[in-house]
Amino acid sequence: MRNALVFGGSGQIGEPVIARLLAEGWQVQAVSRQPRGDRAGLRWLRGGFDGFEEPLPVQVDTVFSLGPLDRFSLWYEHSSLMAARVIAFGSTSIDTKHASADAGERALATRLQDGETRVFRTAQARGAQATLLRPTLVYGAGRDQTLSRIAALARRTGFFVLPAGACGRRQPVHVEDLAAAALAVIDCAACAGNSYALPGGETLGYRDMIARTLLALDPPARLLEAPASLFRTALWLARRTGRMGGLSDAAVARMRDDLVFDAAPAMHDFGYAPRPFQPDARALGL
C-alpha cells in the first residue's frame, strides 16, 4: 500500500487526483485550510504553507503539488520531507507570459520558472525524482477563472462580446485528463527530471472556443463581435461593475495570439491522451 501527501487537494485538479488515488488503493493525507471530513483512505491535515496545525508526515512515497507552485517549492526546499516521487503542477504561462506587457504577468512567469528550478534542485539533493506538469487553459470542474467565468456572465446577460479578430489558437484541457496525467507519471522512469506541456486534445481558435462554450448554456447565449474601440468601452463597463475584473489588457491582446503546445512528449513518455473540447453545463459549473 502506497501513501501520498497532497497539497491543493481541495482544488479543481486536486479533487479528481485524490479520487483516482483512493480508487487505486493509496493512503492519502491531504492539506486544506478549511476543516474537511476524513474517509476511508483519506485524512485531511489542517493548515497552509504559512503554518500547519499538526505535523506533516516526514516520509511518503509521492508528494503532489496541485496548487501554487511557488509556495510549494519554497516549502519543499525548507522542509525535511523525504519522498521518492514529486509531482508538481506549474503552467504553460511560464512560456506565454514571460514577455508580457503586463508586469504582473511577467512576475508570474518568473515565479513559475523559479519554482520549477527549486523543485528540481531540491529533489535532486534528496535523491527524489521530480516531474513538472504544465497545463494549458484548464476547465472541467466549473471552478476555473476563464471559461466558467465567461459562461456565468453570458448566462446572466444572454450574450458575450469578443473583440473582432480574436482568432488565436487555444487548447483547453479537462481537469480529469490532468488528474490522469498526474497518476500516469508516478511510475514512469522516463518522466523523472522532466517538464511536460499538457494541452487539451483539440486545437481551436479563441472565437470558436468561446462559441462552443456559449452553446453549452441552456438556452445558448449569443456571441457578439465588436470593433476594438467598442470592445474597450464594453470591457471598461464590465470592469466597473466587477464582472470581468481579471481580464487584463494583455489578456485581450493575447486573444489574437496562438498559444499552442506540443503534447507529443507526454503522449510518448506516459500515454497522455486528452479529450477534445466538448464543454457541458457541469464542466462550466452551471
Protein backbone atom coordinates (compact mmCIF):
# COMPACT_ATOMS: atom_id res chain seq x y z
CA MET A 1 0.00 0.00 0.00
CA ARG A 2 1.49 3.33 -1.08
CA ASN A 3 0.96 6.68 0.59
CA ALA A 4 0.76 10.21 -0.75
CA LEU A 5 0.85 13.75 0.62
CA VAL A 6 -1.31 16.11 -1.44
CA PHE A 7 -1.16 19.90 -1.46
CA GLY A 8 -4.07 21.59 -3.21
CA GLY A 9 -6.27 18.55 -2.71
CA SER A 10 -9.48 20.59 -2.46
CA GLY A 11 -8.82 22.41 -5.74
CA GLN A 12 -10.17 21.73 -9.20
CA ILE A 13 -7.32 19.36 -10.07
CA GLY A 14 -6.87 18.04 -6.55
CA GLU A 15 -10.32 16.52 -6.18
CA PRO A 16 -10.03 14.18 -9.19
CA VAL A 17 -6.42 13.34 -8.29
CA ILE A 18 -7.47 12.23 -4.79
CA ALA A 19 -10.42 10.27 -6.19
CA ARG A 20 -8.09 8.36 -8.51
CA LEU A 21 -5.54 7.71 -5.77
CA LEU A 22 -8.21 6.29 -3.47
CA ALA A 23 -9.62 4.14 -6.28
CA GLU A 24 -6.14 2.65 -6.73
CA GLY A 25 -5.81 1.86 -3.02
CA TRP A 26 -3.44 4.64 -1.92
CA GLN A 27 -3.42 6.04 1.59
CA VAL A 28 -3.77 9.81 1.17
CA GLN A 29 -3.01 12.69 3.50
CA ALA A 30 -4.20 15.99 2.04
CA VAL A 31 -3.73 19.55 3.22
CA SER A 32 -6.59 22.05 3.47
CA ARG A 33 -7.08 25.40 5.18
CA GLN A 34 -10.72 24.50 5.89
CA PRO A 35 -11.99 21.62 8.07
CA ARG A 36 -12.89 18.59 5.97
CA GLY A 37 -14.18 15.15 6.84
CA ASP A 38 -11.89 12.14 6.70
CA ARG A 39 -12.99 8.94 5.00
CA ALA A 40 -11.54 5.56 4.23
CA GLY A 41 -8.03 6.04 2.91
CA LEU A 42 -8.13 9.84 3.20
CA ARG A 43 -7.02 12.02 6.11
CA TRP A 44 -7.17 15.80 5.97
CA LEU A 45 -4.46 17.91 7.61
CA ARG A 46 -5.44 21.46 8.55
CA GLY A 47 -3.23 24.38 7.57
CA GLY A 48 -1.25 26.01 4.79
CA PHE A 49 2.30 26.82 3.81
CA ASP A 50 2.41 29.56 6.44
CA GLY A 51 1.71 27.01 9.20
CA PHE A 52 0.11 23.65 9.97
CA GLU A 53 -1.98 22.72 12.98
CA GLU A 54 -0.32 19.30 13.23
CA PRO A 55 2.95 17.83 11.98
CA LEU A 56 3.07 16.70 8.37
CA PRO A 57 4.50 13.29 7.53
CA VAL A 58 8.27 13.25 7.15
CA GLN A 59 8.30 10.45 4.56
CA VAL A 60 5.84 9.44 1.85
CA ASP A 61 6.03 7.59 -1.43
CA THR A 62 4.78 10.54 -3.51
CA VAL A 63 4.06 14.20 -2.84
CA PHE A 64 1.71 16.09 -5.15
CA SER A 65 1.64 19.86 -5.52
CA LEU A 66 -1.64 20.81 -7.21
CA GLY A 67 -1.78 24.44 -6.13
CA PRO A 68 0.57 27.44 -6.34
CA LEU A 69 3.98 26.13 -7.46
CA ASP A 70 5.99 28.98 -6.00
CA ARG A 71 4.68 28.46 -2.47
CA PHE A 72 5.09 24.69 -2.61
CA SER A 73 8.64 24.93 -3.94
CA LEU A 74 9.70 27.23 -1.08
CA TRP A 75 8.09 24.95 1.49
CA TYR A 76 9.64 21.83 -0.06
CA GLU A 77 13.08 23.43 -0.12
CA HIS A 78 12.95 24.25 3.61
CA SER A 79 11.13 21.12 4.77
CA SER A 80 12.61 17.78 5.77
CA LEU A 81 10.16 15.76 3.66
CA MET A 82 11.53 12.65 2.02
CA ALA A 83 9.52 11.42 -0.96
CA ALA A 84 10.67 9.13 -3.74
CA ARG A 85 8.47 10.97 -6.26
CA VAL A 86 7.49 14.61 -6.54
CA ILE A 87 4.67 15.54 -8.96
CA ALA A 88 4.06 19.29 -9.23
CA PHE A 89 1.82 21.37 -11.46
CA GLY A 90 3.02 24.62 -12.97
CA SER A 91 1.55 26.26 -16.06
CA THR A 92 2.31 27.00 -19.70
CA SER A 93 2.17 30.63 -18.57
CA ILE A 94 5.87 30.11 -17.91
CA ASP A 95 6.26 30.47 -21.70
CA THR A 96 3.31 32.65 -22.71
CA LYS A 97 3.70 35.43 -20.15
CA HIS A 98 7.45 35.88 -19.74
CA ALA A 99 7.46 38.71 -22.30
CA SER A 100 4.02 40.13 -21.46
CA ALA A 101 3.42 43.87 -21.47
CA ASP A 102 1.82 43.38 -18.04
CA ALA A 103 4.36 43.47 -15.19
CA GLY A 104 2.20 41.19 -13.04
CA GLU A 105 2.14 38.53 -15.75
CA ARG A 106 5.90 38.73 -16.22
CA ALA A 107 6.32 38.30 -12.48
CA LEU A 108 4.09 35.21 -12.59
CA ALA A 109 6.23 33.65 -15.31
CA THR A 110 9.33 34.33 -13.23
CA ARG A 111 7.78 32.75 -10.14
CA LEU A 112 6.86 29.67 -12.16
CA GLN A 113 10.38 29.35 -13.54
CA ASP A 114 11.94 29.83 -10.11
CA GLY A 115 9.52 27.32 -8.63
CA GLU A 116 10.37 24.64 -11.19
CA THR A 117 14.10 25.19 -10.69
CA ARG A 118 13.70 24.99 -6.92
CA VAL A 119 11.69 21.75 -7.05
CA PHE A 120 14.17 20.02 -9.37
CA ARG A 121 17.14 21.20 -7.33
CA THR A 122 15.66 20.10 -4.00
CA ALA A 123 14.51 16.74 -5.35
CA GLN A 124 17.96 16.02 -6.77
CA ALA A 125 19.60 16.87 -3.45
CA ARG A 126 17.31 14.39 -1.66
CA GLY A 127 17.59 11.59 -4.19
CA ALA A 128 13.99 12.07 -5.33
CA GLN A 129 12.57 12.00 -8.85
CA ALA A 130 10.57 15.11 -9.77
CA THR A 131 8.23 15.77 -12.70
CA LEU A 132 6.66 19.13 -13.55
CA LEU A 133 3.36 19.29 -15.43
CA ARG A 134 2.29 22.43 -17.31
CA PRO A 135 -1.41 22.59 -18.24
CA THR A 136 -2.79 24.99 -20.80
CA LEU A 137 -6.24 26.56 -20.27
CA VAL A 138 -7.92 24.41 -17.59
CA TYR A 139 -11.66 23.70 -17.45
CA GLY A 140 -13.99 20.89 -16.40
CA ALA A 141 -14.77 21.48 -12.71
CA GLY A 142 -16.67 24.74 -13.09
CA ARG A 143 -14.06 26.49 -10.96
CA ASP A 144 -11.67 27.97 -13.50
CA GLN A 145 -11.33 31.72 -13.93
CA THR A 146 -11.71 31.77 -17.71
CA LEU A 147 -14.36 29.65 -19.42
CA SER A 148 -16.57 29.11 -16.36
CA ARG A 149 -16.45 32.81 -15.60
CA ILE A 150 -17.37 33.68 -19.17
CA ALA A 151 -20.22 31.15 -19.10
CA ALA A 152 -21.60 32.57 -15.84
CA LEU A 153 -21.57 36.10 -17.24
CA ALA A 154 -23.15 35.03 -20.52
CA ARG A 155 -25.91 33.14 -18.71
CA ARG A 156 -26.85 36.33 -16.85
CA THR A 157 -26.75 38.60 -19.87
CA GLY A 158 -27.68 36.23 -22.71
CA PHE A 159 -24.59 37.23 -24.70
CA PHE A 160 -20.83 37.63 -24.60
CA VAL A 161 -18.73 40.15 -26.51
CA LEU A 162 -15.35 39.48 -28.11
CA PRO A 163 -13.11 41.89 -29.97
CA ALA A 164 -13.03 41.35 -33.73
CA GLY A 165 -10.09 39.21 -34.79
CA ALA A 166 -9.92 37.02 -31.67
CA CYS A 167 -8.64 34.07 -33.66
CA GLY A 168 -5.56 32.93 -31.70
CA ARG A 169 -5.48 29.16 -31.28
CA ARG A 170 -6.12 27.53 -27.90
CA GLN A 171 -6.02 24.00 -26.40
CA PRO A 172 -8.36 23.86 -23.38
CA VAL A 173 -7.63 20.86 -21.13
CA HIS A 174 -10.07 19.00 -18.87
CA VAL A 175 -9.23 18.52 -15.18
CA GLU A 176 -9.84 14.78 -15.41
CA ASP A 177 -7.16 14.47 -18.10
CA LEU A 178 -4.75 16.36 -15.85
CA ALA A 179 -5.55 14.05 -12.95
CA ALA A 180 -4.93 11.03 -15.17
CA ALA A 181 -1.58 12.51 -16.21
CA ALA A 182 -0.56 13.11 -12.59
CA LEU A 183 -1.02 9.44 -11.75
CA ALA A 184 0.46 8.19 -15.02
CA VAL A 185 3.85 9.80 -14.39
CA ILE A 186 4.33 8.28 -10.92
CA ASP A 187 5.85 5.04 -12.20
CA CYS A 188 7.27 6.48 -15.42
CA ALA A 189 11.06 6.34 -15.22
CA ALA A 190 11.42 8.47 -18.35
CA CYS A 191 9.47 11.30 -16.67
CA ALA A 192 11.98 11.89 -13.89
CA GLY A 193 13.63 15.29 -14.15
CA ASN A 194 11.38 16.45 -16.98
CA SER A 195 8.69 19.09 -17.53
CA TYR A 196 5.73 18.39 -19.81
CA ALA A 197 3.23 20.66 -21.50
CA LEU A 198 -0.30 19.28 -21.07
CA PRO A 199 -2.55 20.79 -23.73
CA GLY A 200 -6.07 19.59 -24.41
CA GLY A 201 -6.90 17.16 -27.18
CA GLU A 202 -8.16 19.77 -29.64
CA THR A 203 -6.73 22.97 -31.06
CA LEU A 204 -9.27 25.64 -32.00
CA GLY A 205 -9.49 29.38 -32.47
CA TYR A 206 -10.30 31.59 -29.48
CA ARG A 207 -13.58 32.68 -31.05
CA ASP A 208 -14.58 29.07 -31.74
CA MET A 209 -13.69 28.08 -28.18
CA ILE A 210 -15.97 30.78 -26.78
CA ALA A 211 -18.74 29.99 -29.28
CA ARG A 212 -18.70 26.34 -28.21
CA THR A 213 -18.77 27.40 -24.57
CA LEU A 214 -21.84 29.59 -25.13
CA LEU A 215 -23.63 26.75 -26.93
CA ALA A 216 -23.36 24.66 -23.76
CA LEU A 217 -25.69 27.08 -21.94
CA ASP A 218 -29.44 26.49 -21.71
CA PRO A 219 -30.56 28.46 -23.60
CA PRO A 220 -27.40 29.10 -25.61
CA ALA A 221 -26.00 32.62 -25.34
CA ARG A 222 -25.17 34.79 -28.32
CA LEU A 223 -21.63 35.60 -29.32
CA LEU A 224 -21.15 39.20 -30.41
CA GLU A 225 -18.02 40.65 -32.00
CA ALA A 226 -17.19 44.31 -31.69
CA PRO A 227 -14.58 46.63 -33.18
CA ALA A 228 -11.61 47.21 -30.88
CA SER A 229 -12.75 50.66 -29.73
CA LEU A 230 -16.25 49.48 -28.88
CA PHE A 231 -14.90 46.39 -27.13
CA ARG A 232 -12.64 48.52 -24.94
CA THR A 233 -15.69 50.51 -23.87
CA ALA A 234 -17.65 47.34 -23.10
CA LEU A 235 -14.73 45.93 -21.15
CA TRP A 236 -14.40 49.15 -19.17
CA LEU A 237 -18.08 48.93 -18.20
CA ALA A 238 -17.73 45.24 -17.25
CA ARG A 239 -14.75 46.03 -15.04
CA ARG A 240 -16.61 48.91 -13.40
CA THR A 241 -19.43 46.54 -12.43
CA GLY A 242 -17.00 43.86 -11.22
CA ARG A 243 -17.88 41.35 -13.93
CA MET A 244 -14.55 40.96 -15.71
CA GLY A 245 -12.00 42.38 -13.29
CA GLY A 246 -9.49 39.62 -14.08
CA LEU A 247 -9.37 40.29 -17.82
CA SER A 248 -6.28 42.43 -18.35
CA ASP A 249 -5.39 44.39 -21.47
CA ALA A 250 -2.54 41.92 -22.04
CA ALA A 251 -5.01 39.02 -21.91
CA VAL A 252 -7.21 40.73 -24.50
CA ALA A 253 -4.21 41.24 -26.78
CA ARG A 254 -3.34 37.54 -26.49
CA MET A 255 -6.73 36.58 -27.91
CA ARG A 256 -5.12 37.12 -31.32
CA ASP A 257 -2.02 35.06 -30.50
CA ASP A 258 -1.55 31.32 -30.93
CA LEU A 259 -0.86 29.65 -27.57
CA VAL A 260 -0.21 26.12 -28.80
CA PHE A 261 1.92 23.44 -27.17
CA ASP A 262 3.21 20.05 -28.23
CA ALA A 263 1.65 17.09 -26.43
CA ALA A 264 3.88 14.56 -28.22
CA PRO A 265 6.47 14.19 -25.42
CA ALA A 266 3.74 13.47 -22.86
CA MET A 267 1.99 11.10 -25.23
CA HIS A 268 5.23 9.24 -25.90
CA ASP A 269 6.52 9.04 -22.32
CA PHE A 270 3.37 8.25 -20.34
CA GLY A 271 0.50 7.75 -22.77
CA TYR A 272 -1.14 11.14 -22.32
CA ALA A 273 -4.48 11.11 -24.18
CA PRO A 274 -6.54 14.28 -23.59
CA ARG A 275 -10.12 14.59 -24.80
CA PRO A 276 -11.39 17.07 -27.41
CA PHE A 277 -13.06 20.25 -26.19
CA GLN A 278 -16.72 19.41 -25.55
CA PRO A 279 -17.90 21.60 -22.67
CA ASP A 280 -21.22 20.98 -20.95
CA ALA A 281 -23.09 22.71 -18.14
CA ARG A 282 -21.39 20.61 -15.46
CA ALA A 283 -17.91 21.34 -16.77
CA LEU A 284 -18.75 25.05 -16.65
CA GLY A 285 -20.21 24.94 -13.14
CA LEU A 286 -23.77 25.67 -14.31
